[in-house]
C-alpha atoms as a PDB file:
ATOM      1  CA  MET A   1     -25.296  22.600 -26.688  1.00  0.00           C
ATOM      2  CA  ALA A   2     -24.453  19.048 -25.631  1.00  0.00           C
ATOM      3  CA  LYS A   3     -22.941  18.485 -22.225  1.00  0.00           C
ATOM      4  CA  PRO A   4     -19.407  16.999 -22.455  1.00  0.00           C
ATOM      5  CA  LEU A   5     -19.119  13.360 -21.458  1.00  0.00           C
ATOM      6  CA  PRO A   6     -17.235  12.575 -18.225  1.00  0.00           C
ATOM      7  CA  PRO A   7     -13.757  11.104 -18.693  1.00  0.00           C
ATOM      8  CA  ARG A   8     -13.596   7.364 -19.315  1.00  0.00           C
ATOM      9  CA  TYR A   9     -10.555   5.119 -19.224  1.00  0.00           C
ATOM     10  CA  THR A  10      -9.597   1.731 -20.583  1.00  0.00           C
ATOM     11  CA  ILE A  11      -7.819  -0.837 -18.452  1.00  0.00           C
ATOM     12  CA  ALA A  12      -4.650  -0.257 -20.500  1.00  0.00           C
ATOM     13  CA  GLU A  13      -4.757   3.498 -19.839  1.00  0.00           C
ATOM     14  CA  LEU A  14      -5.134   3.020 -16.081  1.00  0.00           C
ATOM     15  CA  ALA A  15      -2.476   0.311 -16.034  1.00  0.00           C
ATOM     16  CA  ARG A  16      -0.048   2.668 -17.766  1.00  0.00           C
ATOM     17  CA  GLU A  17      -0.909   5.670 -15.590  1.00  0.00           C
ATOM     18  CA  PHE A  18      -0.571   3.781 -12.296  1.00  0.00           C
ATOM     19  CA  GLU A  19       2.225   1.465 -13.447  1.00  0.00           C
ATOM     20  CA  LEU A  20       0.129  -1.623 -12.747  1.00  0.00           C
ATOM     21  CA  THR A  21      -0.648  -4.705 -14.730  1.00  0.00           C
ATOM     22  CA  PRO A  22      -4.158  -5.163 -16.108  1.00  0.00           C
ATOM     23  CA  ARG A  23      -4.293  -8.271 -13.905  1.00  0.00           C
ATOM     24  CA  ALA A  24      -3.764  -6.105 -10.784  1.00  0.00           C
ATOM     25  CA  ILE A  25      -6.579  -3.799 -11.872  1.00  0.00           C
ATOM     26  CA  ARG A  26      -8.882  -6.792 -12.420  1.00  0.00           C
ATOM     27  CA  PHE A  27      -7.903  -8.016  -8.924  1.00  0.00           C
ATOM     28  CA  TYR A  28      -9.048  -4.678  -7.448  1.00  0.00           C
ATOM     29  CA  GLU A  29     -12.225  -5.009  -9.472  1.00  0.00           C
ATOM     30  CA  GLU A  30     -12.862  -8.505  -8.026  1.00  0.00           C
ATOM     31  CA  ALA A  31     -12.217  -7.097  -4.543  1.00  0.00           C
ATOM     32  CA  GLY A  32     -15.023  -4.584  -5.117  1.00  0.00           C
ATOM     33  CA  LEU A  33     -12.832  -1.505  -5.263  1.00  0.00           C
ATOM     34  CA  LEU A  34     -13.533  -0.750  -8.930  1.00  0.00           C
ATOM     35  CA  GLN A  35     -16.811  -1.070 -10.819  1.00  0.00           C
ATOM     36  CA  PRO A  36     -16.202  -0.534 -14.518  1.00  0.00           C
ATOM     37  CA  GLU A  37     -18.975  -0.490 -17.052  1.00  0.00           C
ATOM     38  CA  ARG A  38     -18.878  -2.799 -20.039  1.00  0.00           C
ATOM     39  CA  GLU A  39     -18.967  -1.799 -23.651  1.00  0.00           C
ATOM     40  CA  GLY A  40     -19.176  -5.137 -25.350  1.00  0.00           C
ATOM     41  CA  ARG A  41     -16.226  -7.092 -23.997  1.00  0.00           C
ATOM     42  CA  GLN A  42     -14.214  -4.015 -22.999  1.00  0.00           C
ATOM     43  CA  ARG A  43     -14.103  -2.607 -19.492  1.00  0.00           C
ATOM     44  CA  VAL A  44     -14.619   1.151 -19.298  1.00  0.00           C
ATOM     45  CA  TYR A  45     -13.592   2.903 -16.091  1.00  0.00           C
ATOM     46  CA  SER A  46     -15.059   6.163 -14.809  1.00  0.00           C
ATOM     47  CA  GLN A  47     -13.355   9.095 -13.110  1.00  0.00           C
ATOM     48  CA  GLY A  48     -14.639   7.606  -9.831  1.00  0.00           C
ATOM     49  CA  ASP A  49     -12.891   4.310 -10.601  1.00  0.00           C
ATOM     50  CA  ARG A  50      -9.686   6.232 -11.345  1.00  0.00           C
ATOM     51  CA  THR A  51      -9.973   8.051  -8.001  1.00  0.00           C
ATOM     52  CA  ARG A  52     -10.615   4.761  -6.136  1.00  0.00           C
ATOM     53  CA  LEU A  53      -7.567   3.244  -7.834  1.00  0.00           C
ATOM     54  CA  LYS A  54      -5.480   6.251  -6.793  1.00  0.00           C
ATOM     55  CA  LEU A  55      -6.678   5.917  -3.177  1.00  0.00           C
ATOM     56  CA  THR A  56      -6.014   2.168  -3.299  1.00  0.00           C
ATOM     57  CA  GLN A  57      -2.441   2.764  -4.417  1.00  0.00           C
ATOM     58  CA  ARG A  58      -1.980   5.353  -1.667  1.00  0.00           C
ATOM     59  CA  GLY A  59      -3.268   2.858   0.921  1.00  0.00           C
ATOM     60  CA  LYS A  60      -0.919   0.178  -0.388  1.00  0.00           C
ATOM     61  CA  ARG A  61       2.047   2.549  -0.079  1.00  0.00           C
ATOM     62  CA  LEU A  62       1.034   3.090   3.538  1.00  0.00           C
ATOM     63  CA  GLY A  63       0.975  -0.689   4.017  1.00  0.00           C
ATOM     64  CA  LEU A  64      -2.741  -0.928   4.711  1.00  0.00           C
ATOM     65  CA  SER A  65      -4.579  -4.193   4.130  1.00  0.00           C
ATOM     66  CA  LEU A  66      -7.017  -4.491   1.249  1.00  0.00           C
ATOM     67  CA  ALA A  67      -9.898  -4.628   3.756  1.00  0.00           C
ATOM     68  CA  GLU A  68      -8.714  -1.375   5.382  1.00  0.00           C
ATOM     69  CA  ILE A  69      -8.305   0.255   1.988  1.00  0.00           C
ATOM     70  CA  LYS A  70     -11.777  -0.813   0.926  1.00  0.00           C
ATOM     71  CA  GLU A  71     -13.290   0.539   4.143  1.00  0.00           C
ATOM     72  CA  LEU A  72     -11.531   3.876   3.736  1.00  0.00           C
ATOM     73  CA  VAL A  73     -12.386   4.188   0.038  1.00  0.00           C
ATOM     74  CA  THR A  74     -16.035   3.428   0.818  1.00  0.00           C
ATOM     75  CA  MET A  75     -16.037   6.060   3.576  1.00  0.00           C
ATOM     76  CA  TYR A  76     -14.417   8.568   1.214  1.00  0.00           C
ATOM     77  CA  GLU A  77     -17.329   8.205  -1.200  1.00  0.00           C
ATOM     78  CA  SER A  78     -20.006   8.495   1.463  1.00  0.00           C
ATOM     79  CA  PRO A  79     -21.785  11.868   1.483  1.00  0.00           C
ATOM     80  CA  ARG A  80     -22.450  11.609   5.232  1.00  0.00           C
ATOM     81  CA  ASP A  81     -20.869  13.723   7.945  1.00  0.00           C
ATOM     82  CA  THR A  82     -17.109  13.542   7.558  1.00  0.00           C
ATOM     83  CA  ALA A  83     -16.225  13.684  11.292  1.00  0.00           C
ATOM     84  CA  PRO A  84     -16.876   9.952  11.933  1.00  0.00           C
ATOM     85  CA  GLN A  85     -15.055   9.112   8.703  1.00  0.00           C
ATOM     86  CA  LEU A  86     -12.036  11.152   9.724  1.00  0.00           C
ATOM     87  CA  ARG A  87     -12.027   9.596  13.203  1.00  0.00           C
ATOM     88  CA  ARG A  88     -12.069   6.106  11.669  1.00  0.00           C
ATOM     89  CA  PHE A  89      -9.307   7.116   9.279  1.00  0.00           C
ATOM     90  CA  LEU A  90      -7.218   8.316  12.235  1.00  0.00           C
ATOM     91  CA  ASP A  91      -7.945   5.045  14.091  1.00  0.00           C
ATOM     92  CA  VAL A  92      -6.755   2.972  11.118  1.00  0.00           C
ATOM     93  CA  LEU A  93      -3.654   5.105  10.651  1.00  0.00           C
ATOM     94  CA  GLY A  94      -2.874   5.043  14.383  1.00  0.00           C
ATOM     95  CA  ALA A  95      -3.127   1.259  14.567  1.00  0.00           C
ATOM     96  CA  HIS A  96      -0.968   0.951  11.499  1.00  0.00           C
ATOM     97  CA  ARG A  97       1.605   3.361  12.955  1.00  0.00           C
ATOM     98  CA  ARG A  98       1.798   1.332  16.187  1.00  0.00           C
ATOM     99  CA  ASP A  99       2.269  -1.873  14.210  1.00  0.00           C
ATOM    100  CA  ILE A 100       5.102  -0.375  12.172  1.00  0.00           C
ATOM    101  CA  GLU A 101       6.759   1.085  15.266  1.00  0.00           C
ATOM    102  CA  GLU A 102       6.656  -2.325  16.968  1.00  0.00           C
ATOM    103  CA  ARG A 103       8.169  -3.992  13.909  1.00  0.00           C
ATOM    104  CA  MET A 104      10.854  -1.291  13.741  1.00  0.00           C
ATOM    105  CA  ALA A 105      11.737  -1.879  17.403  1.00  0.00           C
ATOM    106  CA  GLU A 106      12.002  -5.626  16.761  1.00  0.00           C
ATOM    107  CA  LEU A 107      14.205  -4.995  13.734  1.00  0.00           C
ATOM    108  CA  GLN A 108      16.413  -2.636  15.748  1.00  0.00           C
ATOM    109  CA  THR A 109      16.843  -5.320  18.412  1.00  0.00           C
ATOM    110  CA  THR A 110      17.812  -7.817  15.718  1.00  0.00           C
ATOM    111  CA  LEU A 111      20.272  -5.344  14.184  1.00  0.00           C
ATOM    112  CA  ASP A 112      21.834  -4.740  17.586  1.00  0.00           C
ATOM    113  CA  GLU A 113      22.242  -8.505  18.081  1.00  0.00           C
ATOM    114  CA  ILE A 114      23.827  -8.857  14.650  1.00  0.00           C
ATOM    115  CA  GLY A 115      26.236  -6.039  15.498  1.00  0.00           C
ATOM    116  CA  GLY A 116      27.239  -7.843  18.685  1.00  0.00           C
ATOM    117  CA  TYR A 117      27.833 -11.111  16.832  1.00  0.00           C
ATOM    118  CA  GLU A 118      29.866  -9.314  14.179  1.00  0.00           C
ATOM    119  CA  ALA A 119      32.035  -7.632  16.826  1.00  0.00           C
ATOM    120  CA  GLU A 120      32.530 -10.956  18.591  1.00  0.00           C
ATOM    121  CA  ALA A 121      33.516 -12.705  15.335  1.00  0.00           C
ATOM    122  CA  ARG A 122      35.960  -9.898  14.444  1.00  0.00           C
ATOM    123  CA  ALA A 123      37.547 -10.086  17.883  1.00  0.00           C
ATOM    124  CA  LEU A 124      37.952 -13.863  17.566  1.00  0.00           C
ATOM    125  CA  LEU A 125      39.480 -13.453  14.099  1.00  0.00           C
ATOM    126  CA  ALA A 126      41.870 -10.783  15.372  1.00  0.00           C
ATOM    127  CA  LYS A 127      42.879 -13.009  18.286  1.00  0.00           C
ATOM    128  CA  GLN A 128      43.400 -15.940  15.924  1.00  0.00           C
ATOM    129  CA  GLY A 129      45.467 -13.772  13.577  1.00  0.00           C
ATOM    130  CA  ALA A 130      47.679 -12.709  16.474  1.00  0.00           C
ATOM    131  CA  ARG A 131      48.273 -16.359  17.412  1.00  0.00           C
ATOM    132  CA  GLU A 132      49.110 -17.290  13.838  1.00  0.00           C
ATOM    133  CA  ALA A 133      51.632 -14.429  13.618  1.00  0.00           C
ATOM    134  CA  ARG A 134      53.712 -15.865  16.494  1.00  0.00           C
END
């Protein structure tokens, strides 16, 4: 009995599944994240490509850079000991967390300043309204 073929996907199928444009998928291919086979002029993606695309999308949602995503995807596929891979993953996530926390603190400072300016402008308007009522 013949062994069933592994799943294969077209660029249109992956684009639809991941809500991406074919151009975005080709961009990931150029970046080395995907390695489709060719059947004539058509790209054919493997289950591994689909998994790498899924991990890429997850990394993007986390705000990781393409270089970080590529490093993590490459580590994910490596059959070596997973402890160093997991430590590197934690390092990347930790650095990213610190960056986001710093940006959040800066944004909170800006929001606080805006609140102060708004309160000051309202007070000046109220004072002006009181003068105009006399």
